Each structure stands twice: as C-alpha cells, then as structure tokens.
PDB file of N, CA and C in Angstrom:
ATOM      1  N   UNK A   1      14.754  -2.657  15.831  1.00  0.00           N
ATOM      2  CA  UNK A   1      13.739  -3.225  15.554  1.00  0.00           C
ATOM      3  C   UNK A   1      13.170  -2.830  14.194  1.00  0.00           C
ATOM      4  N   UNK A   2      12.664  -3.626  13.459  1.00  0.00           N
ATOM      5  CA  UNK A   2      11.981  -3.009  12.140  1.00  0.00           C
ATOM      6  C   UNK A   2      10.814  -2.545  12.221  1.00  0.00           C
ATOM      7  N   UNK A   3      10.172  -2.102  11.131  1.00  0.00           N
ATOM      8  CA  UNK A   3       8.767  -1.541  11.381  1.00  0.00           C
ATOM      9  C   UNK A   3       7.774  -2.853  10.766  1.00  0.00           C
ATOM     10  N   UNK A   4       6.750  -2.988  11.067  1.00  0.00           N
ATOM     11  CA  UNK A   4       5.778  -3.730  10.583  1.00  0.00           C
ATOM     12  C   UNK A   4       5.528  -3.858   9.257  1.00  0.00           C
ATOM     13  N   UNK A   5       5.399  -5.290   8.793  1.00  0.00           N
ATOM     14  CA  UNK A   5       5.111  -5.462   7.306  1.00  0.00           C
ATOM     15  C   UNK A   5       3.744  -5.330   7.043  1.00  0.00           C
ATOM     16  N   UNK A   6       3.573  -4.866   5.618  1.00  0.00           N
ATOM     17  CA  UNK A   6       2.163  -4.878   5.396  1.00  0.00           C
ATOM     18  C   UNK A   6       1.912  -6.109   4.788  1.00  0.00           C
ATOM     19  N   UNK A   7       0.411  -6.193   4.647  1.00  0.00           N
ATOM     20  CA  UNK A   7      -0.268  -7.601   4.292  1.00  0.00           C
ATOM     21  C   UNK A   7      -1.483  -7.014   3.641  1.00  0.00           C
ATOM     22  N   UNK A   8      -2.293  -8.117   2.803  1.00  0.00           N
ATOM     23  CA  UNK A   8      -3.404  -7.768   2.324  1.00  0.00           C
ATOM     24  C   UNK A   8      -4.422  -7.250   3.523  1.00  0.00           C
ATOM     25  N   UNK A   9      -4.251  -7.498   4.611  1.00  0.00           N
ATOM     26  CA  UNK A   9      -5.122  -7.335   5.742  1.00  0.00           C
ATOM     27  C   UNK A   9      -4.903  -5.700   6.346  1.00  0.00           C
ATOM     28  N   UNK A  10      -3.691  -5.236   5.915  1.00  0.00           N
ATOM     29  CA  UNK A  10      -3.462  -4.004   6.529  1.00  0.00           C
ATOM     30  C   UNK A  10      -4.375  -2.872   6.023  1.00  0.00           C
ATOM     31  N   UNK A  11      -4.677  -1.837   7.085  1.00  0.00           N
ATOM     32  CA  UNK A  11      -5.730  -0.989   6.699  1.00  0.00           C
ATOM     33  C   UNK A  11      -5.150   0.008   6.226  1.00  0.00           C
ATOM     34  N   UNK A  12      -5.314   0.613   4.908  1.00  0.00           N
ATOM     35  CA  UNK A  12      -4.507   1.746   4.162  1.00  0.00           C
ATOM     36  C   UNK A  12      -5.637   2.716   3.587  1.00  0.00           C
ATOM     37  N   UNK A  13      -5.552   3.894   3.509  1.00  0.00           N
ATOM     38  CA  UNK A  13      -6.422   4.711   2.830  1.00  0.00           C
ATOM     39  C   UNK A  13      -5.610   5.755   2.131  1.00  0.00           C
ATOM     40  N   UNK A  14      -6.489   6.381   0.969  1.00  0.00           N
ATOM     41  CA  UNK A  14      -5.950   7.685   0.625  1.00  0.00           C
ATOM     42  C   UNK A  14      -6.279   9.003   1.503  1.00  0.00           C
ATOM     43  N   UNK A  15      -5.553  10.127   1.139  1.00  0.00           N
ATOM     44  CA  UNK A  15      -5.840  11.035   2.101  1.00  0.00           C
ATOM     45  C   UNK A  15      -7.118  11.499   2.000  1.00  0.00           C
ATOM     46  N   UNK A  16      -8.171  11.301   1.225  1.00  0.00           N
ATOM     47  CA  UNK A  16      -9.443  11.695   1.156  1.00  0.00           C
ATOM     48  C   UNK A  16     -10.402  10.661   1.650  1.00  0.00           C
ATOM     49  N   UNK A  17      -9.957   9.478   2.256  1.00  0.00           N
ATOM     50  CA  UNK A  17     -10.921   8.472   2.731  1.00  0.00           C
ATOM     51  C   UNK A  17     -11.118   7.386   2.131  1.00  0.00           C
ATOM     52  N   UNK A  18     -10.408   7.137   0.732  1.00  0.00           N
ATOM     53  CA  UNK A  18     -10.618   6.064  -0.015  1.00  0.00           C
ATOM     54  C   UNK A  18      -9.861   4.676   0.342  1.00  0.00           C
ATOM     55  N   UNK A  19     -10.439   3.427   0.149  1.00  0.00           N
ATOM     56  CA  UNK A  19      -9.756   2.312   0.690  1.00  0.00           C
ATOM     57  C   UNK A  19      -8.828   1.920  -0.255  1.00  0.00           C
ATOM     58  N   UNK A  20      -7.559   1.663   0.255  1.00  0.00           N
ATOM     59  CA  UNK A  20      -6.489   0.929  -0.633  1.00  0.00           C
ATOM     60  C   UNK A  20      -6.643  -0.398  -0.369  1.00  0.00           C
ATOM     61  N   UNK A  21      -6.821  -1.027  -1.551  1.00  0.00           N
ATOM     62  CA  UNK A  21      -6.797  -2.590  -1.559  1.00  0.00           C
ATOM     63  C   UNK A  21      -5.676  -3.144  -2.265  1.00  0.00           C
ATOM     64  N   UNK A  22      -5.141  -4.081  -1.582  1.00  0.00           N
ATOM     65  CA  UNK A  22      -3.770  -4.826  -2.457  1.00  0.00           C
ATOM     66  C   UNK A  22      -3.980  -5.944  -2.907  1.00  0.00           C
ATOM     67  N   UNK A  23      -3.694  -6.086  -4.194  1.00  0.00           N
ATOM     68  CA  UNK A  23      -3.878  -7.310  -4.890  1.00  0.00           C
ATOM     69  C   UNK A  23      -2.525  -7.991  -5.142  1.00  0.00           C
ATOM     70  N   UNK A  24      -2.216  -8.922  -4.507  1.00  0.00           N
ATOM     71  CA  UNK A  24      -1.089  -9.828  -4.778  1.00  0.00           C
ATOM     72  C   UNK A  24      -0.912 -10.301  -6.160  1.00  0.00           C
ATOM     73  N   UNK A  25       0.315 -10.156  -7.068  1.00  0.00           N
ATOM     74  CA  UNK A  25       0.843 -10.314  -8.081  1.00  0.00           C
ATOM     75  C   UNK A  25       0.640 -12.047  -8.216  1.00  0.00           C
ATOM     76  N   UNK A  26       1.143 -12.651  -7.253  1.00  0.00           N
ATOM     77  CA  UNK A  26       1.177 -14.112  -7.520  1.00  0.00           C
ATOM     78  C   UNK A  26       0.981 -14.762  -5.884  1.00  0.00           C
ATOM     79  N   UNK A  27       0.766 -16.036  -5.725  1.00  0.00           N
ATOM     80  CA  UNK A  27       0.522 -16.415  -4.397  1.00  0.00           C
ATOM     81  C   UNK A  27       1.989 -16.665  -3.590  1.00  0.00           C
ATOM     82  N   UNK A  28       1.849 -16.237  -2.506  1.00  0.00           N
ATOM     83  CA  UNK A  28       2.973 -16.176  -1.633  1.00  0.00           C
ATOM     84  C   UNK A  28       2.829 -16.755  -0.010  1.00  0.00           C
ATOM     85  N   UNK A  29       3.939 -16.766   0.752  1.00  0.00           N
ATOM     86  CA  UNK A  29       3.526 -17.062   2.165  1.00  0.00           C
ATOM     87  C   UNK A  29       2.746 -15.958   2.804  1.00  0.00           C
ATOM     88  N   UNK A  30       2.169 -16.411   3.980  1.00  0.00           N
ATOM     89  CA  UNK A  30       1.335 -15.446   4.680  1.00  0.00           C
ATOM     90  C   UNK A  30       2.028 -15.358   5.948  1.00  0.00           C
ATOM     91  N   UNK A  31       1.762 -14.185   6.382  1.00  0.00           N
ATOM     92  CA  UNK A  31       2.292 -13.936   7.950  1.00  0.00           C
ATOM     93  C   UNK A  31       1.008 -13.769   8.766  1.00  0.00           C
ATOM     94  N   UNK A  32       0.795 -14.355   9.811  1.00  0.00           N
ATOM     95  CA  UNK A  32      -0.418 -14.088  10.718  1.00  0.00           C
ATOM     96  C   UNK A  32      -1.357 -14.400   9.978  1.00  0.00           C
ATOM     97  N   UNK A  33      -1.550 -15.252   9.026  1.00  0.00           N
ATOM     98  CA  UNK A  33      -2.799 -15.394   8.221  1.00  0.00           C
ATOM     99  C   UNK A  33      -2.971 -14.920   7.008  1.00  0.00           C
ATOM    100  N   UNK A  34      -2.424 -13.553   6.894  1.00  0.00           N
ATOM    101  CA  UNK A  34      -2.462 -12.502   5.879  1.00  0.00           C
ATOM    102  C   UNK A  34      -1.230 -12.419   4.790  1.00  0.00           C
ATOM    103  N   UNK A  35      -1.582 -12.284   3.439  1.00  0.00           N
ATOM    104  CA  UNK A  35      -0.435 -12.484   2.421  1.00  0.00           C
ATOM    105  C   UNK A  35       0.257 -11.247   2.738  1.00  0.00           C
ATOM    106  N   UNK A  36       1.601 -11.172   2.655  1.00  0.00           N
ATOM    107  CA  UNK A  36       2.551 -10.274   2.693  1.00  0.00           C
ATOM    108  C   UNK A  36       2.498  -9.563   1.283  1.00  0.00           C
ATOM    109  N   UNK A  37       2.614  -8.203   1.139  1.00  0.00           N
ATOM    110  CA  UNK A  37       2.491  -7.489  -0.086  1.00  0.00           C
ATOM    111  C   UNK A  37       3.639  -6.846  -0.379  1.00  0.00           C
ATOM    112  N   UNK A  38       4.141  -6.940  -1.744  1.00  0.00           N
ATOM    113  CA  UNK A  38       5.346  -6.328  -2.291  1.00  0.00           C
ATOM    114  C   UNK A  38       5.261  -5.156  -3.074  1.00  0.00           C
ATOM    115  N   UNK A  39       6.054  -4.138  -3.098  1.00  0.00           N
ATOM    116  CA  UNK A  39       5.942  -3.026  -3.862  1.00  0.00           C
ATOM    117  C   UNK A  39       5.524  -3.126  -5.248  1.00  0.00           C
ATOM    118  N   UNK A  40       5.825  -4.294  -5.818  1.00  0.00           N
ATOM    119  CA  UNK A  40       5.588  -4.718  -7.425  1.00  0.00           C
ATOM    120  C   UNK A  40       3.969  -5.323  -7.421  1.00  0.00           C
ATOM    121  N   UNK A  41       3.273  -5.302  -6.322  1.00  0.00           N
ATOM    122  CA  UNK A  41       2.010  -5.810  -6.327  1.00  0.00           C
ATOM    123  C   UNK A  41       0.876  -4.562  -6.782  1.00  0.00           C
ATOM    124  N   UNK A  42      -0.173  -4.890  -7.300  1.00  0.00           N
ATOM    125  CA  UNK A  42      -1.263  -3.938  -7.549  1.00  0.00           C
ATOM    126  C   UNK A  42      -1.967  -3.455  -6.409  1.00  0.00           C
ATOM    127  N   UNK A  43      -2.270  -2.193  -6.232  1.00  0.00           N
ATOM    128  CA  UNK A  43      -2.792  -1.605  -5.130  1.00  0.00           C
ATOM    129  C   UNK A  43      -3.826  -0.579  -5.805  1.00  0.00           C
ATOM    130  N   UNK A  44      -5.266  -0.810  -5.767  1.00  0.00           N
ATOM    131  CA  UNK A  44      -6.204   0.075  -6.158  1.00  0.00           C
ATOM    132  C   UNK A  44      -6.938   0.817  -4.973  1.00  0.00           C
ATOM    133  N   UNK A  45      -7.525   1.863  -5.118  1.00  0.00           N
ATOM    134  CA  UNK A  45      -8.096   2.626  -4.338  1.00  0.00           C
ATOM    135  C   UNK A  45      -9.650   2.564  -4.416  1.00  0.00           C
ATOM    136  N   UNK A  46     -10.473   2.280  -3.755  1.00  0.00           N
ATOM    137  CA  UNK A  46     -11.894   2.340  -4.067  1.00  0.00           C
ATOM    138  C   UNK A  46     -12.651   3.461  -2.926  1.00  0.00           C
ATOM    139  N   UNK A  47     -13.754   4.008  -3.700  1.00  0.00           N
ATOM    140  CA  UNK A  47     -14.214   4.937  -2.591  1.00  0.00           C
ATOM    141  C   UNK A  47     -13.640   6.305  -2.380  1.00  0.00           C
ATOM    142  N   UNK A  48     -12.644   6.788  -3.400  1.00  0.00           N
ATOM    143  CA  UNK A  48     -12.004   7.940  -2.792  1.00  0.00           C
ATOM    144  C   UNK A  48     -13.334   9.257  -3.517  1.00  0.00           C
ATOM    145  N   UNK A  49     -13.813   9.931  -2.527  1.00  0.00           N
ATOM    146  CA  UNK A  49     -14.623  10.905  -2.683  1.00  0.00           C
ATOM    147  C   UNK A  49     -14.039  12.463  -3.367  1.00  0.00           C
ATOM    148  N   UNK A  50     -12.670  12.417  -3.486  1.00  0.00           N
ATOM    149  CA  UNK A  50     -11.979  13.635  -4.133  1.00  0.00           C
ATOM    150  C   UNK A  50     -12.581  14.271  -5.292  1.00  0.00           C
ATOM    151  N   UNK A  51     -13.211  15.616  -5.149  1.00  0.00           N
ATOM    152  CA  UNK A  51     -13.958  16.380  -6.033  1.00  0.00           C
ATOM    153  C   UNK A  51     -13.647  17.900  -5.934  1.00  0.00           C
ATOM    154  N   UNK A  52     -12.382  18.332  -6.483  1.00  0.00           N
ATOM    155  CA  UNK A  52     -12.041  19.665  -6.042  1.00  0.00           C
ATOM    156  C   UNK A  52     -13.015  20.562  -7.095  1.00  0.00           C
ATOM    157  N   UNK A  53     -12.912  20.200  -8.396  1.00  0.00           N
ATOM    158  CA  UNK A  53     -13.954  20.861  -9.222  1.00  0.00           C
ATOM    159  C   UNK A  53     -14.625  19.933 -10.057  1.00  0.00           C
ATOM    160  N   UNK A  54     -13.824  18.788 -10.521  1.00  0.00           N
ATOM    161  CA  UNK A  54     -14.497  17.882 -11.417  1.00  0.00           C
ATOM    162  C   UNK A  54     -14.062  16.401 -10.525  1.00  0.00           C
ATOM    163  N   UNK A  55     -14.813  15.621 -10.801  1.00  0.00           N
ATOM    164  CA  UNK A  55     -14.172  14.280  -9.976  1.00  0.00           C
ATOM    165  C   UNK A  55     -12.895  13.852 -10.444  1.00  0.00           C
ATOM    166  N   UNK A  56     -12.265  13.621  -9.412  1.00  0.00           N
ATOM    167  CA  UNK A  56     -10.811  13.327  -9.820  1.00  0.00           C
ATOM    168  C   UNK A  56     -10.253  12.413  -8.603  1.00  0.00           C
ATOM    169  N   UNK A  57     -10.981  11.248  -8.322  1.00  0.00           N
ATOM    170  CA  UNK A  57     -10.560  10.158  -7.085  1.00  0.00           C
ATOM    171  C   UNK A  57      -9.328   9.607  -7.459  1.00  0.00           C
ATOM    172  N   UNK A  58      -8.669   9.208  -6.367  1.00  0.00           N
ATOM    173  CA  UNK A  58      -7.586   8.462  -6.283  1.00  0.00           C
ATOM    174  C   UNK A  58      -8.059   6.921  -6.779  1.00  0.00           C
ATOM    175  N   UNK A  59      -7.074   6.416  -7.454  1.00  0.00           N
ATOM    176  CA  UNK A  59      -7.393   5.128  -8.197  1.00  0.00           C
ATOM    177  C   UNK A  59      -6.306   4.034  -7.889  1.00  0.00           C
ATOM    178  N   UNK A  60      -5.071   4.463  -7.827  1.00  0.00           N
ATOM    179  CA  UNK A  60      -4.052   3.532  -7.417  1.00  0.00           C
ATOM    180  C   UNK A  60      -2.829   4.081  -6.755  1.00  0.00           C
ATOM    181  N   UNK A  61      -1.876   3.197  -6.405  1.00  0.00           N
ATOM    182  CA  UNK A  61      -0.954   3.745  -5.661  1.00  0.00           C
ATOM    183  C   UNK A  61       0.537   3.326  -6.054  1.00  0.00           C
ATOM    184  N   UNK A  62       1.659   4.222  -6.117  1.00  0.00           N
ATOM    185  CA  UNK A  62       2.692   3.910  -6.579  1.00  0.00           C
ATOM    186  C   UNK A  62       3.542   3.922  -5.286  1.00  0.00           C
ATOM    187  N   UNK A  63       4.410   3.043  -4.963  1.00  0.00           N
ATOM    188  CA  UNK A  63       5.246   2.979  -3.811  1.00  0.00           C
ATOM    189  C   UNK A  63       6.576   3.672  -4.245  1.00  0.00           C
ATOM    190  N   UNK A  64       7.043   4.596  -3.568  1.00  0.00           N
ATOM    191  CA  UNK A  64       8.227   5.104  -3.773  1.00  0.00           C
ATOM    192  C   UNK A  64       9.486   5.084  -2.773  1.00  0.00           C
ATOM    193  N   UNK A  65       8.942   4.214  -1.659  1.00  0.00           N
ATOM    194  CA  UNK A  65       9.805   4.104  -0.451  1.00  0.00           C
ATOM    195  C   UNK A  65       9.287   2.754  -0.152  1.00  0.00           C
ATOM    196  N   UNK A  66       9.998   1.674  -0.434  1.00  0.00           N
ATOM    197  CA  UNK A  66       9.794   0.394  -0.032  1.00  0.00           C
ATOM    198  C   UNK A  66      10.517   0.155   1.184  1.00  0.00           C
ATOM    199  N   UNK A  67      10.419  -1.165   1.835  1.00  0.00           N
ATOM    200  CA  UNK A  67      11.452  -1.553   3.123  1.00  0.00           C
ATOM    201  C   UNK A  67      12.871  -1.448   2.372  1.00  0.00           C
ATOM    202  N   UNK A  68      13.571  -0.883   3.495  1.00  0.00           N
ATOM    203  CA  UNK A  68      15.041  -0.857   3.088  1.00  0.00           C
ATOM    204  C   UNK A  68      16.135  -2.029   2.801  1.00  0.00           C
ATOM    205  N   UNK A  69      15.373  -3.112   4.065  1.00  0.00           N
ATOM    206  CA  UNK A  69      16.310  -4.283   3.893  1.00  0.00           C
ATOM    207  C   UNK A  69      15.777  -5.422   3.919  1.00  0.00           C
ATOM    208  N   UNK A  70      14.234  -5.513   3.556  1.00  0.00           N
ATOM    209  CA  UNK A  70      13.529  -6.615   3.698  1.00  0.00           C
ATOM    210  C   UNK A  70      13.018  -6.804   2.168  1.00  0.00           C
ATOM    211  N   UNK A  71      13.175  -7.920   1.441  1.00  0.00           N
ATOM    212  CA  UNK A  71      12.759  -8.145   0.388  1.00  0.00           C
ATOM    213  C   UNK A  71      12.279  -9.475   0.045  1.00  0.00           C
ATOM    214  N   UNK A  72      11.314  -9.789  -0.654  1.00  0.00           N
ATOM    215  CA  UNK A  72      10.765 -10.911  -0.910  1.00  0.00           C
ATOM    216  C   UNK A  72      11.567 -11.501  -2.257  1.00  0.00           C
ATOM    217  N   UNK A  73      11.123 -12.643  -3.166  1.00  0.00           N
ATOM    218  CA  UNK A  73      12.034 -13.255  -4.095  1.00  0.00           C
ATOM    219  C   UNK A  73      12.227 -12.509  -5.272  1.00  0.00           C
ATOM    220  N   UNK A  74      11.020 -11.343  -5.438  1.00  0.00           N
ATOM    221  CA  UNK A  74      11.319 -10.624  -6.776  1.00  0.00           C
ATOM    222  C   UNK A  74      11.088  -9.359  -6.505  1.00  0.00           C
ATOM    223  N   UNK A  75      10.799  -8.571  -5.443  1.00  0.00           N
ATOM    224  CA  UNK A  75      10.639  -7.375  -4.990  1.00  0.00           C
ATOM    225  C   UNK A  75      10.843  -6.881  -3.785  1.00  0.00           C
ATOM    226  N   UNK A  76      10.817  -5.578  -3.339  1.00  0.00           N
ATOM    227  CA  UNK A  76      11.038  -5.142  -1.890  1.00  0.00           C
ATOM    228  C   UNK A  76       9.571  -5.450  -1.182  1.00  0.00           C
ATOM    229  N   UNK A  77       9.655  -5.990   0.192  1.00  0.00           N
ATOM    230  CA  UNK A  77       8.410  -5.754   0.737  1.00  0.00           C
ATOM    231  C   UNK A  77       8.068  -4.275   1.162  1.00  0.00           C
ATOM    232  N   UNK A  78       6.962  -4.206   1.884  1.00  0.00           N
ATOM    233  CA  UNK A  78       6.264  -2.897   2.149  1.00  0.00           C
ATOM    234  C   UNK A  78       6.181  -3.155   3.964  1.00  0.00           C
ATOM    235  N   UNK A  79       6.618  -2.146   4.284  1.00  0.00           N
ATOM    236  CA  UNK A  79       6.399  -1.838   5.869  1.00  0.00           C
ATOM    237  C   UNK A  79       5.426  -0.650   6.213  1.00  0.00           C
ATOM    238  N   UNK A  80       5.083  -0.349   7.334  1.00  0.00           N
ATOM    239  CA  UNK A  80       4.496   0.796   7.850  1.00  0.00           C
ATOM    240  C   UNK A  80       5.147   2.125   7.825  1.00  0.00           C
ATOM    241  N   UNK A  81       6.562   2.114   7.326  1.00  0.00           N
ATOM    242  CA  UNK A  81       7.361   3.148   7.244  1.00  0.00           C
ATOM    243  C   UNK A  81       7.251   3.649   5.741  1.00  0.00           C
ATOM    244  N   UNK A  82       6.974   2.512   4.852  1.00  0.00           N
ATOM    245  CA  UNK A  82       6.970   2.695   3.335  1.00  0.00           C
ATOM    246  C   UNK A  82       6.244   4.067   2.852  1.00  0.00           C
ATOM    247  N   UNK A  83       6.488   4.542   1.890  1.00  0.00           N
ATOM    248  CA  UNK A  83       5.935   5.800   1.326  1.00  0.00           C
ATOM    249  C   UNK A  83       5.358   5.398  -0.023  1.00  0.00           C
ATOM    250  N   UNK A  84       3.843   5.628  -0.206  1.00  0.00           N
ATOM    251  CA  UNK A  84       3.233   5.401  -1.385  1.00  0.00           C
ATOM    252  C   UNK A  84       2.352   6.586  -1.648  1.00  0.00           C
ATOM    253  N   UNK A  85       2.320   6.789  -2.990  1.00  0.00           N
ATOM    254  CA  UNK A  85       1.678   7.923  -3.579  1.00  0.00           C
ATOM    255  C   UNK A  85       0.343   7.284  -4.275  1.00  0.00           C
ATOM    256  N   UNK A  86      -0.704   8.203  -3.799  1.00  0.00           N
ATOM    257  CA  UNK A  86      -2.088   7.878  -4.333  1.00  0.00           C
ATOM    258  C   UNK A  86      -2.205   8.733  -5.814  1.00  0.00           C
ATOM    259  N   UNK A  87      -2.396   7.943  -6.665  1.00  0.00           N
ATOM    260  CA  UNK A  87      -2.483   8.613  -8.191  1.00  0.00           C
ATOM    261  C   UNK A  87      -3.924   8.750  -8.527  1.00  0.00           C
ATOM    262  N   UNK A  88      -4.327   9.929  -9.402  1.00  0.00           N
ATOM    263  CA  UNK A  88      -5.721   9.959 -10.035  1.00  0.00           C
ATOM    264  C   UNK A  88      -5.642   9.031 -11.267  1.00  0.00           C
ATOM    265  N   UNK A  89      -6.723   9.094 -12.189  1.00  0.00           N
ATOM    266  CA  UNK A  89      -6.784   8.321 -13.276  1.00  0.00           C
ATOM    267  C   UNK A  89      -5.659   8.771 -14.437  1.00  0.00           C
ATOM    268  N   UNK A  90      -5.356  10.116 -14.214  1.00  0.00           N
ATOM    269  CA  UNK A  90      -4.694  10.602 -15.221  1.00  0.00           C
ATOM    270  C   UNK A  90      -3.097  10.576 -14.880  1.00  0.00           C
ATOM    271  N   UNK A  91      -2.912   9.935 -13.580  1.00  0.00           N
ATOM    272  CA  UNK A  91      -1.540   9.856 -13.331  1.00  0.00           C
ATOM    273  C   UNK A  91      -0.768  10.700 -12.253  1.00  0.00           C
ATOM    274  N   UNK A  92      -1.665  11.901 -11.919  1.00  0.00           N
ATOM    275  CA  UNK A  92      -1.250  12.847 -11.097  1.00  0.00           C
ATOM    276  C   UNK A  92      -1.185  12.591  -9.464  1.00  0.00           C
ATOM    277  N   UNK A  93      -0.145  12.956  -8.899  1.00  0.00           N
ATOM    278  CA  UNK A  93      -0.288  12.551  -7.542  1.00  0.00           C
ATOM    279  C   UNK A  93      -1.066  13.477  -6.671  1.00  0.00           C
ATOM    280  N   UNK A  94      -2.071  12.706  -5.892  1.00  0.00           N
ATOM    281  CA  UNK A  94      -2.907  13.576  -5.237  1.00  0.00           C
ATOM    282  C   UNK A  94      -3.027  13.226  -3.648  1.00  0.00           C
ATOM    283  N   UNK A  95      -1.854  12.795  -3.226  1.00  0.00           N
ATOM    284  CA  UNK A  95      -1.315  12.767  -1.775  1.00  0.00           C
ATOM    285  C   UNK A  95      -0.635  11.431  -1.497  1.00  0.00           C
ATOM    286  N   UNK A  96      -0.321  11.194  -0.244  1.00  0.00           N
ATOM    287  CA  UNK A  96       0.363   9.811   0.479  1.00  0.00           C
ATOM    288  C   UNK A  96      -0.692   8.895   0.853  1.00  0.00           C
ATOM    289  N   UNK A  97      -0.215   7.617   0.787  1.00  0.00           N
ATOM    290  CA  UNK A  97      -1.225   6.649   1.337  1.00  0.00           C
ATOM    291  C   UNK A  97      -0.752   6.879   2.905  1.00  0.00           C
ATOM    292  N   UNK A  98      -2.053   6.750   3.667  1.00  0.00           N
ATOM    293  CA  UNK A  98      -2.191   6.570   5.027  1.00  0.00           C
ATOM    294  C   UNK A  98      -2.251   5.398   5.559  1.00  0.00           C
ATOM    295  N   UNK A  99      -1.324   4.638   6.366  1.00  0.00           N
ATOM    296  CA  UNK A  99      -1.334   3.352   6.892  1.00  0.00           C
ATOM    297  C   UNK A  99      -1.862   3.207   8.208  1.00  0.00           C
ATOM    298  N   UNK A 100      -2.950   2.772   8.543  1.00  0.00           N
ATOM    299  CA  UNK A 100      -3.721   2.949   9.702  1.00  0.00           C
ATOM    300  C   UNK A 100      -3.317   1.708  10.627  1.00  0.00           C
ATOM    301  N   UNK A 101      -3.255   0.392   9.817  1.00  0.00           N
ATOM    302  CA  UNK A 101      -2.766  -0.727  10.692  1.00  0.00           C
ATOM    303  C   UNK A 101      -2.080  -1.628   9.751  1.00  0.00           C
ATOM    304  N   UNK A 102      -1.104  -2.382  10.593  1.00  0.00           N
ATOM    305  CA  UNK A 102      -0.178  -3.111   9.566  1.00  0.00           C
ATOM    306  C   UNK A 102      -0.159  -4.557  10.572  1.00  0.00           C
ATOM    307  N   UNK A 103       0.654  -5.580   9.811  1.00  0.00           N
ATOM    308  CA  UNK A 103       0.986  -6.751  10.395  1.00  0.00           C
ATOM    309  C   UNK A 103       2.004  -6.887  11.877  1.00  0.00           C
ATOM    310  N   UNK A 104       1.485  -7.119  12.839  1.00  0.00           N
ATOM    311  CA  UNK A 104       2.702  -7.016  14.009  1.00  0.00           C
ATOM    312  C   UNK A 104       3.175  -8.101  14.488  1.00  0.00           C
ATOM    313  N   UNK A 105       2.924  -9.272  13.778  1.00  0.00           N
ATOM    314  CA  UNK A 105       3.648 -10.489  14.120  1.00  0.00           C
ATOM    315  C   UNK A 105       5.115 -10.601  13.731  1.00  0.00           C
ATOM    316  N   UNK A 106       5.193 -10.209  12.504  1.00  0.00           N
ATOM    317  CA  UNK A 106       6.606 -10.396  11.794  1.00  0.00           C
ATOM    318  C   UNK A 106       6.929  -8.775  11.362  1.00  0.00           C
ATOM    319  N   UNK A 107       8.181  -8.509  11.549  1.00  0.00           N
ATOM    320  CA  UNK A 107       8.844  -7.109  10.996  1.00  0.00           C
ATOM    321  C   UNK A 107       9.834  -7.148  10.015  1.00  0.00           C
ATOM    322  N   UNK A 108       9.998  -6.183   9.429  1.00  0.00           N
ATOM    323  CA  UNK A 108      11.149  -6.084   8.382  1.00  0.00           C
ATOM    324  C   UNK A 108      11.672  -4.661   8.410  1.00  0.00           C
ATOM    325  N   UNK A 109      12.784  -4.334   8.038  1.00  0.00           N
ATOM    326  CA  UNK A 109      13.288  -2.942   7.796  1.00  0.00           C
ATOM    327  C   UNK A 109      13.801  -2.457   6.608  1.00  0.00           C
TER     328      UNK A 109
END
C-alpha cells in the first residue's frame, strides 16, 4: 500500500515551526475536496521564527524525493514519504519539511 498523497490541506511545517503553504501552479483534480500537489508546485513558508544570530527564516521548499511511482500530467505527486528541504532566502538548506497530516482518501507510491 502506498503512502498518503499530499494536498493543499496537508499540514506541513519547517523544522522551526513555520507553516508550509502549497500553491498549485494550475487547476487540477482534487482528492477528498482538496487539490493534490505536485513537486513542481510552489511551496512557501510563513511564520518561521529561525534566528540563530540574524533573522534567517525558512521561506520556500525544494522537493528532492517526490513519490516514486505516482505522477500527475506534468510532474511527480507528493506523498507523506516525500522529502522536502526548507530553504532560507539565500537558498541555504535549513532542515527538512515535517509532514504532520496528509490526504488519507487516496494513496500513491
């Protein structure tokens, strides 16, 4: 059985507690009332409080491991097993996306 798909309703956070917001690049089908997201969509991070010496909050996500066998029309889908890196404004990796909840109606691998 595959891992649950990620949708715009999935709860994702940066390692510092900021909220990951998925912004689909184009309209598409939904699963359980929420739009499925793809690795090529835009993911921004809001409210990251990361301040080691100077403010360096996480601002975006780069997905490095999407779903292995589930794909949409133009890009791989994402599942709760996908790996995303949280990036700062300068592009530096600041940790991995923490997936708290995903779409349990449909799954992919």
